[in-house]
Amino acid sequence: MACGLSRSGIARRVSSARLFRVLRSVYSPAPCVDEWGRRWAAVLAIDADRAVLSHWSAGVIHRMLQPRIGPVHVTMPGSGRGGTAGVVVHRSRSLGPDDVVVVRGLRVTTPERTVIDVAARADDDLVRRMIREGEFQGALRDGAVRDAVAGRSGHRGLARVRRTDPATVEGALRQTPLEDELDRLLIRAAVPGLVRQFQVTGASGSVYRTDFACPAIRLAIEADGRSAHRRASAFETDRTREADLGAVGWQTIRFTRIQVSTTPGTVQRLIRDTVRARANQMQPALWRGWTG
């Protein structure tokens, strides 16, 4: 209407397929819109000036959650009701300027606020994985969730975040989603004596933290994510570490995200075969009868 169109003019263009209704009061000159178009439409349909993309929709934007089919989530400051088909509207009295960032021109809740919002409606496991993914992707700095929780009160998600991430437990948030996938494979392989985040001292006296370890047979299993190892210096550090641990009898095997996600059966078989070989060599009595 600001451009000079009347209600009847809009209706004629819709009926003649020159405008296409996306949501209530939101139209597109094209018959289909992509996911970003749906997000924009949701914000515009609720309140172009005050509505903020939030919850699961914001989690996808910050790469902490996987895309899923469903309504777009939007938060409005204040109280009250109201919404439209295809949009879930949340009301918040605590939404402030510090809770909002702009992504590709669209107002979105910050990663920390998004975790707290989702925590009010999700289980512990999902919240834990969000935090890990957010730190792994660089959306959350180390300790950001702890600081955000410390400065708030009255939000339903705070209790779950505190329980799931008590004071940002040291080391826990540095575990990557790839480690979680590898952990599931190791559970299915039923590897005896497996320890997660195990500390080992090398021949040089340096102390290293392994993703997974079987201390009885001195076997370290590492999740080798590309994002964490993309620099040449990281590559060199890993090789120095493996040599240092090798000097005291430790063997290290590594698996990439592609290996774990696309060929889990092969990864599981390699782990079983390596465990058997190390067990026969070092602790045959301890591992006798294990079938993996």
Protein backbone atom coordinates (compact mmCIF):
# COMPACT_ATOMS: atom_id res chain seq x y z
CA MET A 1 0.00 0.00 0.00
CA ALA A 2 2.94 2.32 0.62
CA CYS A 3 3.81 1.77 -3.05
CA GLY A 4 0.35 2.87 -4.15
CA LEU A 5 -1.47 -0.47 -4.38
CA SER A 6 -4.98 -0.76 -2.98
CA ARG A 7 -6.51 -3.86 -1.42
CA SER A 8 -8.46 -4.50 -4.59
CA GLY A 9 -5.31 -3.98 -6.66
CA ILE A 10 -3.49 -6.59 -4.59
CA ALA A 11 -6.43 -8.99 -4.90
CA ARG A 12 -6.51 -8.59 -8.73
CA ARG A 13 -2.80 -9.32 -8.99
CA VAL A 14 -3.18 -12.41 -6.81
CA SER A 15 -6.10 -13.70 -8.89
CA SER A 16 -4.17 -13.12 -12.12
CA ALA A 17 -1.04 -14.82 -10.76
CA ARG A 18 1.11 -11.70 -10.76
CA LEU A 19 1.45 -11.81 -6.97
CA PHE A 20 1.56 -14.91 -4.79
CA ARG A 21 0.49 -15.04 -1.17
CA VAL A 22 3.20 -16.49 1.09
CA LEU A 23 1.65 -15.69 4.47
CA ARG A 24 -1.00 -13.32 5.71
CA SER A 25 -0.16 -9.84 4.30
CA VAL A 26 3.06 -11.11 2.74
CA TYR A 27 3.30 -11.62 -1.03
CA SER A 28 5.95 -12.64 -3.52
CA PRO A 29 6.30 -11.90 -7.26
CA ALA A 30 7.44 -15.52 -7.70
CA PRO A 31 5.25 -18.58 -7.11
CA CYS A 32 7.84 -20.27 -4.84
CA VAL A 33 10.16 -18.95 -2.14
CA ASP A 34 13.23 -20.60 -0.64
CA GLU A 35 13.88 -21.17 3.06
CA TRP A 36 15.20 -17.64 3.53
CA GLY A 37 12.04 -16.34 1.89
CA ARG A 38 9.94 -18.30 4.39
CA ARG A 39 11.92 -16.84 7.27
CA TRP A 40 11.52 -13.29 5.99
CA ALA A 41 7.81 -13.86 5.37
CA ALA A 42 7.30 -15.09 8.94
CA VAL A 43 8.96 -12.02 10.45
CA LEU A 44 7.12 -9.63 8.12
CA ALA A 45 3.76 -11.30 8.77
CA ILE A 46 4.07 -10.92 12.55
CA ASP A 47 5.77 -7.53 12.90
CA ALA A 48 8.37 -6.19 10.50
CA ASP A 49 9.87 -3.86 13.12
CA ARG A 50 9.84 -5.97 16.29
CA ALA A 51 9.61 -9.67 15.41
CA VAL A 52 12.80 -11.74 15.67
CA LEU A 53 13.54 -15.16 14.19
CA SER A 54 14.11 -17.50 17.16
CA HIS A 55 14.12 -20.98 18.71
CA TRP A 56 14.62 -23.85 16.24
CA SER A 57 14.61 -21.50 13.25
CA ALA A 58 17.43 -19.43 14.76
CA GLY A 59 19.28 -22.62 15.72
CA VAL A 60 19.42 -23.59 12.04
CA ILE A 61 20.69 -20.12 11.09
CA HIS A 62 23.52 -20.41 13.64
CA ARG A 63 24.30 -23.99 12.43
CA MET A 64 23.58 -25.46 15.85
CA LEU A 65 20.58 -27.49 14.62
CA GLN A 66 19.82 -29.41 11.45
CA PRO A 67 17.10 -28.02 9.12
CA ARG A 68 13.72 -29.65 9.61
CA ILE A 69 10.28 -29.41 8.06
CA GLY A 70 7.85 -27.39 10.14
CA PRO A 71 6.69 -23.90 11.04
CA VAL A 72 9.00 -20.91 11.39
CA HIS A 73 9.57 -19.74 14.98
CA VAL A 74 9.43 -16.03 15.77
CA THR A 75 9.66 -14.15 19.08
CA MET A 76 7.89 -10.91 19.89
CA PRO A 77 8.76 -8.72 22.89
CA GLY A 78 6.05 -8.21 25.48
CA SER A 79 3.03 -10.34 26.25
CA GLY A 80 -0.11 -11.31 24.38
CA ARG A 81 -1.13 -13.70 21.65
CA GLY A 82 -1.45 -13.70 17.93
CA GLY A 83 0.09 -15.45 14.98
CA THR A 84 -0.66 -16.91 11.60
CA ALA A 85 -0.62 -20.29 9.90
CA GLY A 86 2.91 -21.61 9.40
CA VAL A 87 4.43 -19.41 12.13
CA VAL A 88 4.87 -20.17 15.82
CA VAL A 89 4.92 -16.93 17.80
CA HIS A 90 6.66 -16.82 21.19
CA ARG A 91 6.21 -13.88 23.56
CA SER A 92 9.03 -12.69 25.79
CA ARG A 93 9.29 -9.88 28.32
CA SER A 94 13.06 -10.46 28.63
CA LEU A 95 14.03 -10.07 24.95
CA GLY A 96 16.44 -7.14 24.76
CA PRO A 97 18.73 -5.53 22.17
CA ASP A 98 21.67 -7.68 23.36
CA ASP A 99 19.67 -10.81 22.48
CA VAL A 100 19.42 -9.92 18.79
CA VAL A 101 21.88 -10.07 15.90
CA VAL A 102 21.36 -9.33 12.22
CA VAL A 103 22.07 -12.13 9.75
CA ARG A 104 21.72 -11.30 6.04
CA GLY A 105 19.51 -8.38 7.01
CA LEU A 106 17.19 -10.50 9.15
CA ARG A 107 16.83 -10.02 12.90
CA VAL A 108 17.71 -13.28 14.71
CA THR A 109 18.20 -14.19 18.38
CA THR A 110 21.87 -14.57 19.37
CA PRO A 111 23.30 -18.12 19.62
CA GLU A 112 23.31 -17.94 23.44
CA ARG A 113 19.72 -16.74 23.63
CA THR A 114 18.70 -19.38 21.08
CA VAL A 115 20.13 -22.15 23.30
CA ILE A 116 18.19 -20.84 26.31
CA ASP A 117 14.96 -20.53 24.29
CA VAL A 118 15.20 -24.06 22.88
CA ALA A 119 16.10 -25.42 26.34
CA ALA A 120 12.66 -24.39 27.59
CA ARG A 121 11.06 -26.87 25.16
CA ALA A 122 13.68 -29.55 24.46
CA ASP A 123 15.35 -32.39 26.33
CA ASP A 124 18.81 -32.36 27.90
CA ASP A 125 20.46 -34.28 25.07
CA LEU A 126 19.38 -31.82 22.37
CA VAL A 127 20.51 -28.82 24.42
CA ARG A 128 23.87 -30.45 25.10
CA ARG A 129 24.38 -31.18 21.41
CA MET A 130 23.38 -27.62 20.47
CA ILE A 131 26.06 -26.20 22.74
CA ARG A 132 28.71 -28.56 21.43
CA GLU A 133 27.79 -27.86 17.81
CA GLY A 134 27.68 -24.11 18.44
CA GLU A 135 31.19 -24.10 19.91
CA PHE A 136 32.49 -26.43 17.21
CA GLN A 137 31.08 -24.21 14.44
CA GLY A 138 32.35 -21.03 16.08
CA ALA A 139 28.90 -19.59 16.77
CA LEU A 140 29.45 -19.82 20.54
CA ARG A 141 32.67 -18.66 22.14
CA ASP A 142 33.95 -20.71 25.04
CA GLY A 143 31.92 -19.80 28.14
CA ALA A 144 29.28 -17.76 26.27
CA VAL A 145 26.38 -19.90 27.49
CA ARG A 146 27.64 -19.76 31.08
CA ASP A 147 27.85 -15.97 30.94
CA ALA A 148 24.40 -15.65 29.35
CA VAL A 149 22.81 -17.82 32.02
CA ALA A 150 24.55 -15.97 34.85
CA GLY A 151 22.99 -12.68 33.80
CA ARG A 152 19.38 -13.87 33.55
CA SER A 153 16.43 -14.88 35.66
CA GLY A 154 12.86 -15.93 35.07
CA HIS A 155 13.35 -17.81 31.77
CA ARG A 156 12.01 -21.37 31.68
CA GLY A 157 15.07 -22.65 29.82
CA LEU A 158 17.62 -21.53 32.43
CA ALA A 159 17.21 -24.53 34.75
CA ARG A 160 17.79 -27.03 31.94
CA VAL A 161 20.83 -25.17 30.64
CA ARG A 162 22.35 -25.05 34.13
CA ARG A 163 21.70 -28.76 34.58
CA THR A 164 22.91 -29.68 31.11
CA ASP A 165 25.91 -27.36 31.12
CA PRO A 166 26.76 -26.66 34.78
CA ALA A 167 29.09 -23.66 34.68
CA THR A 168 30.23 -24.78 31.22
CA VAL A 169 31.95 -27.95 32.40
CA GLU A 170 35.60 -27.83 31.40
CA GLY A 171 36.33 -30.11 28.47
CA ALA A 172 32.73 -31.24 27.95
CA LEU A 173 31.86 -28.48 25.51
CA ARG A 174 35.04 -29.04 23.56
CA GLN A 175 33.79 -32.47 22.55
CA THR A 176 32.60 -32.26 18.97
CA PRO A 177 29.44 -33.68 17.37
CA LEU A 178 31.74 -36.02 15.45
CA GLU A 179 32.86 -37.47 18.79
CA ASP A 180 29.22 -38.14 19.67
CA GLU A 181 28.76 -40.09 16.42
CA LEU A 182 31.94 -42.05 17.04
CA ASP A 183 30.84 -42.68 20.63
CA ARG A 184 27.68 -44.38 19.36
CA LEU A 185 29.75 -46.66 17.13
CA LEU A 186 32.02 -47.57 20.04
CA ILE A 187 29.00 -48.35 22.22
CA ARG A 188 27.67 -50.71 19.53
CA ALA A 189 31.10 -52.30 19.25
CA ALA A 190 30.99 -52.91 23.03
CA VAL A 191 34.69 -52.15 23.47
CA PRO A 192 35.64 -53.11 27.07
CA GLY A 193 37.36 -50.59 29.29
CA LEU A 194 36.69 -47.63 27.00
CA VAL A 195 37.22 -44.17 28.55
CA ARG A 196 36.22 -40.83 27.02
CA GLN A 197 38.48 -37.75 27.36
CA PHE A 198 41.34 -39.75 28.87
CA GLN A 199 44.63 -38.05 29.80
CA VAL A 200 47.91 -39.68 28.71
CA THR A 201 51.48 -38.62 29.45
CA GLY A 202 53.94 -38.91 26.55
CA ALA A 203 57.65 -39.71 26.60
CA SER A 204 58.44 -35.98 26.70
CA GLY A 205 56.37 -35.48 29.84
CA SER A 206 53.63 -33.62 27.95
CA VAL A 207 50.05 -34.51 28.94
CA TYR A 208 47.52 -35.11 26.16
CA ARG A 209 43.77 -35.60 26.23
CA THR A 210 42.48 -38.34 23.92
CA ASP A 211 38.93 -38.42 22.59
CA PHE A 212 38.61 -42.11 23.51
CA ALA A 213 41.08 -44.56 25.02
CA CYS A 214 41.47 -48.20 26.07
CA PRO A 215 44.15 -47.75 28.75
CA ALA A 216 44.60 -51.50 29.30
CA ILE A 217 45.92 -51.95 25.76
CA ARG A 218 47.24 -48.39 25.26
CA LEU A 219 44.98 -47.59 22.33
CA ALA A 220 43.81 -44.01 21.58
CA ILE A 221 40.88 -43.39 19.20
CA GLU A 222 40.52 -39.87 17.79
CA ALA A 223 37.69 -38.09 15.98
CA ASP A 224 39.52 -36.18 13.24
CA GLY A 225 37.20 -33.31 12.27
CA ARG A 226 38.26 -31.18 9.31
CA SER A 227 37.27 -27.89 10.97
CA ALA A 228 39.45 -28.64 13.98
CA HIS A 229 42.44 -29.72 11.87
CA ARG A 230 42.35 -27.48 8.82
CA ARG A 231 45.57 -25.60 9.66
CA ALA A 232 48.99 -27.02 8.84
CA SER A 233 50.15 -26.29 12.40
CA ALA A 234 47.38 -28.53 13.80
CA PHE A 235 48.47 -31.32 11.47
CA GLU A 236 52.07 -31.03 12.66
CA THR A 237 50.98 -30.92 16.30
CA ASP A 238 48.95 -34.10 15.92
CA ARG A 239 51.86 -35.97 14.37
CA THR A 240 54.24 -34.82 17.11
CA ARG A 241 51.72 -35.94 19.71
CA GLU A 242 51.32 -39.39 18.12
CA ALA A 243 55.09 -39.88 18.03
CA ASP A 244 55.37 -38.80 21.68
CA LEU A 245 52.64 -41.25 22.74
CA GLY A 246 54.06 -43.97 20.49
CA ALA A 247 57.34 -43.74 22.37
CA VAL A 248 55.55 -44.97 25.53
CA GLY A 249 53.68 -47.72 23.70
CA TRP A 250 50.43 -46.00 22.70
CA GLN A 251 48.84 -46.56 19.28
CA THR A 252 46.52 -43.87 17.85
CA ILE A 253 43.86 -44.46 15.20
CA ARG A 254 41.87 -41.61 13.64
CA PHE A 255 38.52 -41.42 11.87
CA THR A 256 37.10 -38.50 9.86
CA ARG A 257 33.51 -37.26 9.79
CA ILE A 258 33.01 -38.71 6.29
CA GLN A 259 34.23 -42.14 7.42
CA VAL A 260 32.01 -42.16 10.50
CA SER A 261 28.87 -40.89 8.74
CA THR A 262 29.10 -42.73 5.39
CA THR A 263 30.87 -46.00 6.28
CA PRO A 264 30.06 -46.68 9.95
CA GLY A 265 30.25 -50.44 9.44
CA THR A 266 33.81 -50.18 8.15
CA VAL A 267 34.83 -47.92 11.04
CA GLN A 268 33.31 -50.34 13.54
CA ARG A 269 35.12 -53.29 11.93
CA LEU A 270 38.48 -51.46 11.95
CA ILE A 271 38.04 -50.61 15.62
CA ARG A 272 37.21 -54.22 16.49
CA ASP A 273 40.17 -55.57 14.49
CA THR A 274 42.58 -53.09 16.08
CA VAL A 275 41.30 -53.83 19.57
CA ARG A 276 41.68 -57.58 18.99
CA ALA A 277 45.23 -57.18 17.68
CA ARG A 278 46.28 -54.98 20.62
CA ALA A 279 44.54 -57.27 23.12
CA ASN A 280 46.24 -60.40 21.79
CA GLN A 281 49.54 -58.60 21.96
CA MET A 282 49.25 -56.99 25.40
CA GLN A 283 46.37 -58.35 27.49
CA PRO A 284 45.16 -61.71 26.13
CA ALA A 285 43.70 -62.87 29.45
CA LEU A 286 41.76 -59.66 30.00
CA TRP A 287 40.17 -59.77 26.56
CA ARG A 288 39.62 -63.52 26.17
CA GLY A 289 36.08 -64.25 25.07
CA TRP A 290 35.30 -60.74 23.81
CA THR A 291 33.43 -60.87 20.51
CA GLY A 292 32.91 -57.15 19.85
